């Protein structure tokens, strides 16, 4: 689920095209057994990241401190669109 970079953890959230345009909510399980609630109510750019300070790995020489959790995003695009969907999407994005 996570990749580690030093004391920081990286996590990729997969979004549908609709979620990437109109917003999303997620609950992310953390290493300590808790869940992090995160959301965005506007379009999510492909290169966007969100950093949650203190949600990463404990720092070995300072166990009371932790690294960060960095969220990355991957948009899952539909494989195909029918003609009506294409027209409606073009109209919506042209407005």
PDB file of N, CA and C in Angstrom:
ATOM      1  N   UNK A   1       0.815  -1.200   0.000  1.00  0.00           N
ATOM      2  CA  UNK A   1       0.000   0.000   0.000  1.00  0.00           C
ATOM      3  C   UNK A   1       0.860   1.266   0.000  1.00  0.00           C
ATOM      4  N   UNK A   2       1.949   1.241   0.757  1.00  0.00           N
ATOM      5  CA  UNK A   2       2.803   2.419   0.890  1.00  0.00           C
ATOM      6  C   UNK A   2       4.172   2.141   0.278  1.00  0.00           C
ATOM      7  N   UNK A   3       4.828   3.201  -0.149  1.00  0.00           N
ATOM      8  CA  UNK A   3       6.249   3.103  -0.449  1.00  0.00           C
ATOM      9  C   UNK A   3       6.951   4.044   0.525  1.00  0.00           C
ATOM     10  N   UNK A   4       8.157   3.678   0.881  1.00  0.00           N
ATOM     11  CA  UNK A   4       8.883   4.442   1.898  1.00  0.00           C
ATOM     12  C   UNK A   4      10.039   5.201   1.268  1.00  0.00           C
ATOM     13  N   UNK A   5      10.225   6.434   1.718  1.00  0.00           N
ATOM     14  CA  UNK A   5      11.362   7.253   1.313  1.00  0.00           C
ATOM     15  C   UNK A   5      11.896   7.890   2.588  1.00  0.00           C
ATOM     16  N   UNK A   6      12.887   7.231   3.196  1.00  0.00           N
ATOM     17  CA  UNK A   6      13.372   7.693   4.499  1.00  0.00           C
ATOM     18  C   UNK A   6      12.270   7.498   5.537  1.00  0.00           C
ATOM     19  N   UNK A   7      11.875   8.568   6.197  1.00  0.00           N
ATOM     20  CA  UNK A   7      10.803   8.489   7.189  1.00  0.00           C
ATOM     21  C   UNK A   7       9.443   8.845   6.604  1.00  0.00           C
ATOM     22  N   UNK A   8       9.415   9.212   5.330  1.00  0.00           N
ATOM     23  CA  UNK A   8       8.160   9.569   4.679  1.00  0.00           C
ATOM     24  C   UNK A   8       7.542   8.348   4.012  1.00  0.00           C
ATOM     25  N   UNK A   9       6.230   8.317   4.009  1.00  0.00           N
ATOM     26  CA  UNK A   9       5.483   7.281   3.307  1.00  0.00           C
ATOM     27  C   UNK A   9       4.753   7.914   2.134  1.00  0.00           C
ATOM     28  N   UNK A  10       4.683   7.198   1.017  1.00  0.00           N
ATOM     29  CA  UNK A  10       3.972   7.662  -0.167  1.00  0.00           C
ATOM     30  C   UNK A  10       2.818   6.703  -0.438  1.00  0.00           C
ATOM     31  N   UNK A  11       1.685   7.271  -0.811  1.00  0.00           N
ATOM     32  CA  UNK A  11       0.476   6.486  -1.042  1.00  0.00           C
ATOM     33  C   UNK A  11      -0.212   7.052  -2.281  1.00  0.00           C
ATOM     34  N   UNK A  12      -0.609   6.183  -3.200  1.00  0.00           N
ATOM     35  CA  UNK A  12      -1.284   6.628  -4.410  1.00  0.00           C
ATOM     36  C   UNK A  12      -2.772   6.353  -4.309  1.00  0.00           C
ATOM     37  N   UNK A  13      -3.567   7.400  -4.530  1.00  0.00           N
ATOM     38  CA  UNK A  13      -5.026   7.291  -4.545  1.00  0.00           C
ATOM     39  C   UNK A  13      -5.473   7.219  -5.998  1.00  0.00           C
ATOM     40  N   UNK A  14      -6.222   6.188  -6.328  1.00  0.00           N
ATOM     41  CA  UNK A  14      -6.759   6.054  -7.682  1.00  0.00           C
ATOM     42  C   UNK A  14      -8.125   6.729  -7.732  1.00  0.00           C
ATOM     43  N   UNK A  15      -8.286   7.620  -8.704  1.00  0.00           N
ATOM     44  CA  UNK A  15      -9.521   8.374  -8.863  1.00  0.00           C
ATOM     45  C   UNK A  15     -10.160   8.074 -10.205  1.00  0.00           C
ATOM     46  N   UNK A  16     -11.480   8.020 -10.219  1.00  0.00           N
ATOM     47  CA  UNK A  16     -12.178   7.951 -11.501  1.00  0.00           C
ATOM     48  C   UNK A  16     -12.113   9.334 -12.144  1.00  0.00           C
ATOM     49  N   UNK A  17     -12.431   9.420 -13.415  1.00  0.00           N
ATOM     50  CA  UNK A  17     -12.449  10.707 -14.101  1.00  0.00           C
ATOM     51  C   UNK A  17     -13.425  11.652 -13.417  1.00  0.00           C
ATOM     52  N   UNK A  18     -14.592  11.153 -13.040  1.00  0.00           N
ATOM     53  CA  UNK A  18     -15.598  11.978 -12.363  1.00  0.00           C
ATOM     54  C   UNK A  18     -15.065  12.494 -11.031  1.00  0.00           C
ATOM     55  N   UNK A  19     -14.440  11.621 -10.250  1.00  0.00           N
ATOM     56  CA  UNK A  19     -13.868  12.056  -8.969  1.00  0.00           C
ATOM     57  C   UNK A  19     -12.781  13.100  -9.179  1.00  0.00           C
ATOM     58  N   UNK A  20     -11.943  12.909 -10.189  1.00  0.00           N
ATOM     59  CA  UNK A  20     -10.855  13.862 -10.415  1.00  0.00           C
ATOM     60  C   UNK A  20     -11.383  15.243 -10.799  1.00  0.00           C
ATOM     61  N   UNK A  21     -12.555  15.300 -11.402  1.00  0.00           N
ATOM     62  CA  UNK A  21     -13.128  16.579 -11.812  1.00  0.00           C
ATOM     63  C   UNK A  21     -14.008  17.227 -10.748  1.00  0.00           C
ATOM     64  N   UNK A  22     -14.742  16.411  -9.985  1.00  0.00           N
ATOM     65  CA  UNK A  22     -15.761  16.962  -9.092  1.00  0.00           C
ATOM     66  C   UNK A  22     -15.495  16.777  -7.601  1.00  0.00           C
ATOM     67  N   UNK A  23     -14.478  16.014  -7.254  1.00  0.00           N
ATOM     68  CA  UNK A  23     -14.155  15.847  -5.845  1.00  0.00           C
ATOM     69  C   UNK A  23     -14.244  14.403  -5.388  1.00  0.00           C
ATOM     70  N   UNK A  24     -13.671  14.151  -4.236  1.00  0.00           N
ATOM     71  CA  UNK A  24     -13.586  12.794  -3.702  1.00  0.00           C
ATOM     72  C   UNK A  24     -13.369  12.836  -2.199  1.00  0.00           C
ATOM     73  N   UNK A  25     -13.610  11.697  -1.558  1.00  0.00           N
ATOM     74  CA  UNK A  25     -13.319  11.487  -0.131  1.00  0.00           C
ATOM     75  C   UNK A  25     -12.696  10.107  -0.007  1.00  0.00           C
ATOM     76  N   UNK A  26     -11.719  10.003   0.866  1.00  0.00           N
ATOM     77  CA  UNK A  26     -11.069   8.711   1.112  1.00  0.00           C
ATOM     78  C   UNK A  26     -10.721   8.577   2.590  1.00  0.00           C
ATOM     79  N   UNK A  27     -10.685   7.320   3.035  1.00  0.00           N
ATOM     80  CA  UNK A  27     -10.192   6.964   4.355  1.00  0.00           C
ATOM     81  C   UNK A  27      -8.952   6.110   4.121  1.00  0.00           C
ATOM     82  N   UNK A  28      -7.811   6.583   4.615  1.00  0.00           N
ATOM     83  CA  UNK A  28      -6.537   5.906   4.367  1.00  0.00           C
ATOM     84  C   UNK A  28      -6.058   5.267   5.660  1.00  0.00           C
ATOM     85  N   UNK A  29      -5.833   3.950   5.668  1.00  0.00           N
ATOM     86  CA  UNK A  29      -5.328   3.284   6.869  1.00  0.00           C
ATOM     87  C   UNK A  29      -3.876   3.669   7.125  1.00  0.00           C
ATOM     88  N   UNK A  30      -3.582   4.075   8.347  1.00  0.00           N
ATOM     89  CA  UNK A  30      -2.218   4.470   8.714  1.00  0.00           C
ATOM     90  C   UNK A  30      -1.502   3.322   9.412  1.00  0.00           C
ATOM     91  N   UNK A  31      -0.196   3.464   9.560  1.00  0.00           N
ATOM     92  CA  UNK A  31       0.633   2.418  10.160  1.00  0.00           C
ATOM     93  C   UNK A  31       0.276   2.138  11.623  1.00  0.00           C
ATOM     94  N   UNK A  32      -0.264   3.143  12.322  1.00  0.00           N
ATOM     95  CA  UNK A  32      -0.592   2.960  13.739  1.00  0.00           C
ATOM     96  C   UNK A  32      -1.996   2.391  13.948  1.00  0.00           C
ATOM     97  N   UNK A  33      -2.664   1.980  12.869  1.00  0.00           N
ATOM     98  CA  UNK A  33      -3.993   1.392  12.978  1.00  0.00           C
ATOM     99  C   UNK A  33      -5.127   2.397  12.860  1.00  0.00           C
ATOM    100  N   UNK A  34      -4.817   3.676  12.867  1.00  0.00           N
ATOM    101  CA  UNK A  34      -5.842   4.709  12.718  1.00  0.00           C
ATOM    102  C   UNK A  34      -6.129   4.921  11.238  1.00  0.00           C
ATOM    103  N   UNK A  35      -7.173   5.685  10.958  1.00  0.00           N
ATOM    104  CA  UNK A  35      -7.514   6.040   9.584  1.00  0.00           C
ATOM    105  C   UNK A  35      -7.430   7.547   9.416  1.00  0.00           C
ATOM    106  N   UNK A  36      -6.899   7.978   8.291  1.00  0.00           N
ATOM    107  CA  UNK A  36      -6.818   9.392   7.949  1.00  0.00           C
ATOM    108  C   UNK A  36      -7.938   9.702   6.965  1.00  0.00           C
ATOM    109  N   UNK A  37      -8.803  10.639   7.318  1.00  0.00           N
ATOM    110  CA  UNK A  37      -9.877  11.068   6.427  1.00  0.00           C
ATOM    111  C   UNK A  37      -9.357  12.244   5.607  1.00  0.00           C
ATOM    112  N   UNK A  38      -9.442  12.141   4.296  1.00  0.00           N
ATOM    113  CA  UNK A  38      -8.980  13.213   3.430  1.00  0.00           C
ATOM    114  C   UNK A  38      -9.953  13.362   2.274  1.00  0.00           C
ATOM    115  N   UNK A  39     -10.042  14.583   1.754  1.00  0.00           N
ATOM    116  CA  UNK A  39     -10.973  14.834   0.661  1.00  0.00           C
ATOM    117  C   UNK A  39     -10.564  16.074  -0.116  1.00  0.00           C
ATOM    118  N   UNK A  40     -11.135  16.207  -1.299  1.00  0.00           N
ATOM    119  CA  UNK A  40     -10.965  17.401  -2.106  1.00  0.00           C
ATOM    120  C   UNK A  40     -12.296  17.648  -2.811  1.00  0.00           C
ATOM    121  N   UNK A  41     -12.751  18.889  -2.794  1.00  0.00           N
ATOM    122  CA  UNK A  41     -14.052  19.212  -3.378  1.00  0.00           C
ATOM    123  C   UNK A  41     -13.922  19.996  -4.676  1.00  0.00           C
ATOM    124  N   UNK A  42     -12.759  19.970  -5.276  1.00  0.00           N
ATOM    125  CA  UNK A  42     -12.527  20.664  -6.547  1.00  0.00           C
ATOM    126  C   UNK A  42     -11.693  19.751  -7.436  1.00  0.00           C
ATOM    127  N   UNK A  43     -11.451  20.121  -8.694  1.00  0.00           N
ATOM    128  CA  UNK A  43     -10.645  19.256  -9.563  1.00  0.00           C
ATOM    129  C   UNK A  43      -9.260  18.981  -8.985  1.00  0.00           C
ATOM    130  N   UNK A  44      -8.805  17.763  -9.175  1.00  0.00           N
ATOM    131  CA  UNK A  44      -7.499  17.334  -8.698  1.00  0.00           C
ATOM    132  C   UNK A  44      -6.532  17.272  -9.874  1.00  0.00           C
ATOM    133  N   UNK A  45      -5.534  18.152  -9.933  1.00  0.00           N
ATOM    134  CA  UNK A  45      -4.560  18.100 -11.027  1.00  0.00           C
ATOM    135  C   UNK A  45      -3.748  16.798 -10.980  1.00  0.00           C
ATOM    136  N   UNK A  46      -3.332  16.319 -12.133  1.00  0.00           N
ATOM    137  CA  UNK A  46      -2.591  15.054 -12.204  1.00  0.00           C
ATOM    138  C   UNK A  46      -1.307  15.073 -11.404  1.00  0.00           C
ATOM    139  N   UNK A  47      -0.641  16.200 -11.334  1.00  0.00           N
ATOM    140  CA  UNK A  47       0.643  16.269 -10.635  1.00  0.00           C
ATOM    141  C   UNK A  47       0.496  16.715  -9.178  1.00  0.00           C
ATOM    142  N   UNK A  48      -0.721  16.822  -8.698  1.00  0.00           N
ATOM    143  CA  UNK A  48      -0.982  17.315  -7.350  1.00  0.00           C
ATOM    144  C   UNK A  48      -0.548  16.292  -6.303  1.00  0.00           C
ATOM    145  N   UNK A  49       0.012  16.763  -5.214  1.00  0.00           N
ATOM    146  CA  UNK A  49       0.309  15.924  -4.051  1.00  0.00           C
ATOM    147  C   UNK A  49      -0.221  16.630  -2.815  1.00  0.00           C
ATOM    148  N   UNK A  50      -0.539  15.841  -1.810  1.00  0.00           N
ATOM    149  CA  UNK A  50      -0.970  16.380  -0.511  1.00  0.00           C
ATOM    150  C   UNK A  50      -0.052  15.778   0.545  1.00  0.00           C
ATOM    151  N   UNK A  51       0.497  16.627   1.390  1.00  0.00           N
ATOM    152  CA  UNK A  51       1.388  16.166   2.455  1.00  0.00           C
ATOM    153  C   UNK A  51       0.662  16.264   3.795  1.00  0.00           C
ATOM    154  N   UNK A  52       0.642  15.147   4.524  1.00  0.00           N
ATOM    155  CA  UNK A  52       0.091  15.113   5.876  1.00  0.00           C
ATOM    156  C   UNK A  52       1.270  14.918   6.830  1.00  0.00           C
ATOM    157  N   UNK A  53       1.649  16.007   7.485  1.00  0.00           N
ATOM    158  CA  UNK A  53       2.796  15.987   8.392  1.00  0.00           C
ATOM    159  C   UNK A  53       2.536  15.051   9.568  1.00  0.00           C
ATOM    160  N   UNK A  54       3.549  14.297   9.934  1.00  0.00           N
ATOM    161  CA  UNK A  54       3.471  13.451  11.119  1.00  0.00           C
ATOM    162  C   UNK A  54       2.719  12.150  10.938  1.00  0.00           C
ATOM    163  N   UNK A  55       2.383  11.766   9.718  1.00  0.00           N
ATOM    164  CA  UNK A  55       1.646  10.517   9.481  1.00  0.00           C
ATOM    165  C   UNK A  55       2.525   9.446   8.838  1.00  0.00           C
ATOM    166  N   UNK A  56       3.841   9.672   8.828  1.00  0.00           N
ATOM    167  CA  UNK A  56       4.767   8.716   8.227  1.00  0.00           C
ATOM    168  C   UNK A  56       5.367   7.774   9.259  1.00  0.00           C
ATOM    169  N   UNK A  57       6.590   7.347   9.003  1.00  0.00           N
ATOM    170  CA  UNK A  57       7.287   6.403   9.875  1.00  0.00           C
ATOM    171  C   UNK A  57       7.923   7.130  11.061  1.00  0.00           C
ATOM    172  N   UNK A  58       8.010   6.466  12.224  1.00  0.00           N
ATOM    173  CA  UNK A  58       8.717   7.056  13.360  1.00  0.00           C
ATOM    174  C   UNK A  58      10.188   7.287  13.012  1.00  0.00           C
ATOM    175  N   UNK A  59      10.744   8.386  13.492  1.00  0.00           N
ATOM    176  CA  UNK A  59      12.157   8.696  13.270  1.00  0.00           C
ATOM    177  C   UNK A  59      12.960   7.958  14.333  1.00  0.00           C
ATOM    178  N   UNK A  60      13.906   7.111  13.906  1.00  0.00           N
ATOM    179  CA  UNK A  60      14.583   6.188  14.819  1.00  0.00           C
ATOM    180  C   UNK A  60      15.288   6.880  15.974  1.00  0.00           C
ATOM    181  N   UNK A  61      15.925   8.001  15.744  1.00  0.00           N
ATOM    182  CA  UNK A  61      16.646   8.683  16.813  1.00  0.00           C
ATOM    183  C   UNK A  61      15.743   9.600  17.637  1.00  0.00           C
ATOM    184  N   UNK A  62      14.525   9.822  17.168  1.00  0.00           N
ATOM    185  CA  UNK A  62      13.533  10.633  17.887  1.00  0.00           C
ATOM    186  C   UNK A  62      12.173   9.960  17.751  1.00  0.00           C
ATOM    187  N   UNK A  63      11.914   8.888  18.510  1.00  0.00           N
ATOM    188  CA  UNK A  63      10.687   8.099  18.336  1.00  0.00           C
ATOM    189  C   UNK A  63       9.379   8.886  18.523  1.00  0.00           C
ATOM    190  N   UNK A  64       9.459  10.040  19.173  1.00  0.00           N
ATOM    191  CA  UNK A  64       8.238  10.827  19.346  1.00  0.00           C
ATOM    192  C   UNK A  64       7.916  11.639  18.091  1.00  0.00           C
ATOM    193  N   UNK A  65       8.826  11.655  17.118  1.00  0.00           N
ATOM    194  CA  UNK A  65       8.609  12.374  15.862  1.00  0.00           C
ATOM    195  C   UNK A  65       8.411  11.374  14.728  1.00  0.00           C
ATOM    196  N   UNK A  66       7.655  11.794  13.728  1.00  0.00           N
ATOM    197  CA  UNK A  66       7.414  10.923  12.590  1.00  0.00           C
ATOM    198  C   UNK A  66       7.580  11.698  11.286  1.00  0.00           C
ATOM    199  N   UNK A  67       7.787  10.947  10.221  1.00  0.00           N
ATOM    200  CA  UNK A  67       7.874  11.533   8.892  1.00  0.00           C
ATOM    201  C   UNK A  67       6.486  11.914   8.396  1.00  0.00           C
ATOM    202  N   UNK A  68       6.386  12.195   7.129  1.00  0.00           N
ATOM    203  CA  UNK A  68       5.131  12.654   6.537  1.00  0.00           C
ATOM    204  C   UNK A  68       4.518  11.575   5.661  1.00  0.00           C
ATOM    205  N   UNK A  69       3.224  11.706   5.436  1.00  0.00           N
ATOM    206  CA  UNK A  69       2.509  10.885   4.466  1.00  0.00           C
ATOM    207  C   UNK A  69       2.253  11.775   3.265  1.00  0.00           C
ATOM    208  N   UNK A  70       2.698  11.338   2.098  1.00  0.00           N
ATOM    209  CA  UNK A  70       2.530  12.132   0.890  1.00  0.00           C
ATOM    210  C   UNK A  70       1.603  11.375  -0.045  1.00  0.00           C
ATOM    211  N   UNK A  71       0.485  12.014  -0.382  1.00  0.00           N
ATOM    212  CA  UNK A  71      -0.518  11.409  -1.249  1.00  0.00           C
ATOM    213  C   UNK A  71      -0.282  11.829  -2.694  1.00  0.00           C
ATOM    214  N   UNK A  72      -0.321  10.849  -3.575  1.00  0.00           N
ATOM    215  CA  UNK A  72      -0.207  11.073  -5.016  1.00  0.00           C
ATOM    216  C   UNK A  72      -1.518  10.599  -5.641  1.00  0.00           C
ATOM    217  N   UNK A  73      -1.788  11.015  -6.865  1.00  0.00           N
ATOM    218  CA  UNK A  73      -3.063  10.695  -7.496  1.00  0.00           C
ATOM    219  C   UNK A  73      -2.859  10.094  -8.873  1.00  0.00           C
ATOM    220  N   UNK A  74      -3.674   9.099  -9.162  1.00  0.00           N
ATOM    221  CA  UNK A  74      -3.696   8.465 -10.478  1.00  0.00           C
ATOM    222  C   UNK A  74      -5.146   8.473 -10.945  1.00  0.00           C
ATOM    223  N   UNK A  75      -5.384   9.074 -12.109  1.00  0.00           N
ATOM    224  CA  UNK A  75      -6.740   9.130 -12.653  1.00  0.00           C
ATOM    225  C   UNK A  75      -6.930   7.946 -13.595  1.00  0.00           C
ATOM    226  N   UNK A  76      -7.997   7.200 -13.369  1.00  0.00           N
ATOM    227  CA  UNK A  76      -8.340   6.070 -14.211  1.00  0.00           C
ATOM    228  C   UNK A  76      -9.341   6.556 -15.255  1.00  0.00           C
ATOM    229  N   UNK A  77      -8.882   6.664 -16.485  1.00  0.00           N
ATOM    230  CA  UNK A  77      -9.736   7.142 -17.567  1.00  0.00           C
ATOM    231  C   UNK A  77     -10.533   5.974 -18.147  1.00  0.00           C
ATOM    232  N   UNK A  78     -11.746   6.245 -18.631  1.00  0.00           N
ATOM    233  CA  UNK A  78     -12.522   5.168 -19.257  1.00  0.00           C
ATOM    234  C   UNK A  78     -11.822   4.700 -20.543  1.00  0.00           C
ATOM    235  N   UNK A  79     -11.955   3.412 -20.841  1.00  0.00           N
ATOM    236  CA  UNK A  79     -11.348   2.859 -22.056  1.00  0.00           C
ATOM    237  C   UNK A  79     -12.079   3.335 -23.309  1.00  0.00           C
ATOM    238  N   UNK A  80     -13.393   3.490 -23.188  1.00  0.00           N
ATOM    239  CA  UNK A  80     -14.188   3.920 -24.335  1.00  0.00           C
ATOM    240  C   UNK A  80     -15.301   4.852 -23.881  1.00  0.00           C
ATOM    241  N   UNK A  81     -15.778   5.655 -24.818  1.00  0.00           N
ATOM    242  CA  UNK A  81     -16.954   6.501 -24.609  1.00  0.00           C
ATOM    243  C   UNK A  81     -17.850   6.308 -25.826  1.00  0.00           C
ATOM    244  N   UNK A  82     -19.165   6.213 -25.577  1.00  0.00           N
ATOM    245  CA  UNK A  82     -20.053   6.147 -26.731  1.00  0.00           C
ATOM    246  C   UNK A  82     -20.255   7.565 -27.267  1.00  0.00           C
ATOM    247  N   UNK A  83     -20.905   7.700 -28.375  1.00  0.00           N
ATOM    248  CA  UNK A  83     -21.044   9.011 -29.030  1.00  0.00           C
ATOM    249  C   UNK A  83     -21.782  10.019 -28.145  1.00  0.00           C
ATOM    250  N   UNK A  84     -22.828   9.595 -27.470  1.00  0.00           N
ATOM    251  CA  UNK A  84     -23.572  10.496 -26.589  1.00  0.00           C
ATOM    252  C   UNK A  84     -22.695  10.989 -25.445  1.00  0.00           C
ATOM    253  N   UNK A  85     -21.912  10.092 -24.859  1.00  0.00           N
ATOM    254  CA  UNK A  85     -21.005  10.491 -23.781  1.00  0.00           C
ATOM    255  C   UNK A  85     -19.963  11.484 -24.281  1.00  0.00           C
ATOM    256  N   UNK A  86     -19.446  11.266 -25.480  1.00  0.00           N
ATOM    257  CA  UNK A  86     -18.473  12.192 -26.053  1.00  0.00           C
ATOM    258  C   UNK A  86     -19.068  13.579 -26.228  1.00  0.00           C
ATOM    259  N   UNK A  87     -20.265  13.638 -26.783  1.00  0.00           N
ATOM    260  CA  UNK A  87     -20.926  14.920 -27.020  1.00  0.00           C
ATOM    261  C   UNK A  87     -21.183  15.635 -25.694  1.00  0.00           C
ATOM    262  N   UNK A  88     -21.709  14.909 -24.728  1.00  0.00           N
ATOM    263  CA  UNK A  88     -22.016  15.531 -23.426  1.00  0.00           C
ATOM    264  C   UNK A  88     -20.754  15.994 -22.717  1.00  0.00           C
ATOM    265  N   UNK A  89     -19.694  15.225 -22.798  1.00  0.00           N
ATOM    266  CA  UNK A  89     -18.440  15.623 -22.163  1.00  0.00           C
ATOM    267  C   UNK A  89     -17.852  16.852 -22.835  1.00  0.00           C
ATOM    268  N   UNK A  90     -17.895  16.889 -24.172  1.00  0.00           N
ATOM    269  CA  UNK A  90     -17.404  18.062 -24.884  1.00  0.00           C
ATOM    270  C   UNK A  90     -18.223  19.296 -24.520  1.00  0.00           C
ATOM    271  N   UNK A  91     -19.542  19.150 -24.431  1.00  0.00           N
ATOM    272  CA  UNK A  91     -20.401  20.271 -24.085  1.00  0.00           C
ATOM    273  C   UNK A  91     -20.122  20.752 -22.662  1.00  0.00           C
ATOM    274  N   UNK A  92     -19.949  19.838 -21.760  1.00  0.00           N
ATOM    275  CA  UNK A  92     -19.712  20.198 -20.364  1.00  0.00           C
ATOM    276  C   UNK A  92     -18.372  20.930 -20.208  1.00  0.00           C
ATOM    277  N   UNK A  93     -17.358  20.462 -20.905  1.00  0.00           N
ATOM    278  CA  UNK A  93     -16.039  21.054 -20.763  1.00  0.00           C
ATOM    279  C   UNK A  93     -15.883  22.347 -21.556  1.00  0.00           C
ATOM    280  N   UNK A  94     -16.725  22.550 -22.545  1.00  0.00           N
ATOM    281  CA  UNK A  94     -16.656  23.765 -23.351  1.00  0.00           C
ATOM    282  C   UNK A  94     -17.357  24.939 -22.665  1.00  0.00           C
ATOM    283  N   UNK A  95     -18.190  24.647 -21.713  1.00  0.00           N
ATOM    284  CA  UNK A  95     -18.970  25.703 -21.050  1.00  0.00           C
ATOM    285  C   UNK A  95     -18.121  26.560 -20.143  1.00  0.00           C
TER     286      UNK A  95
END
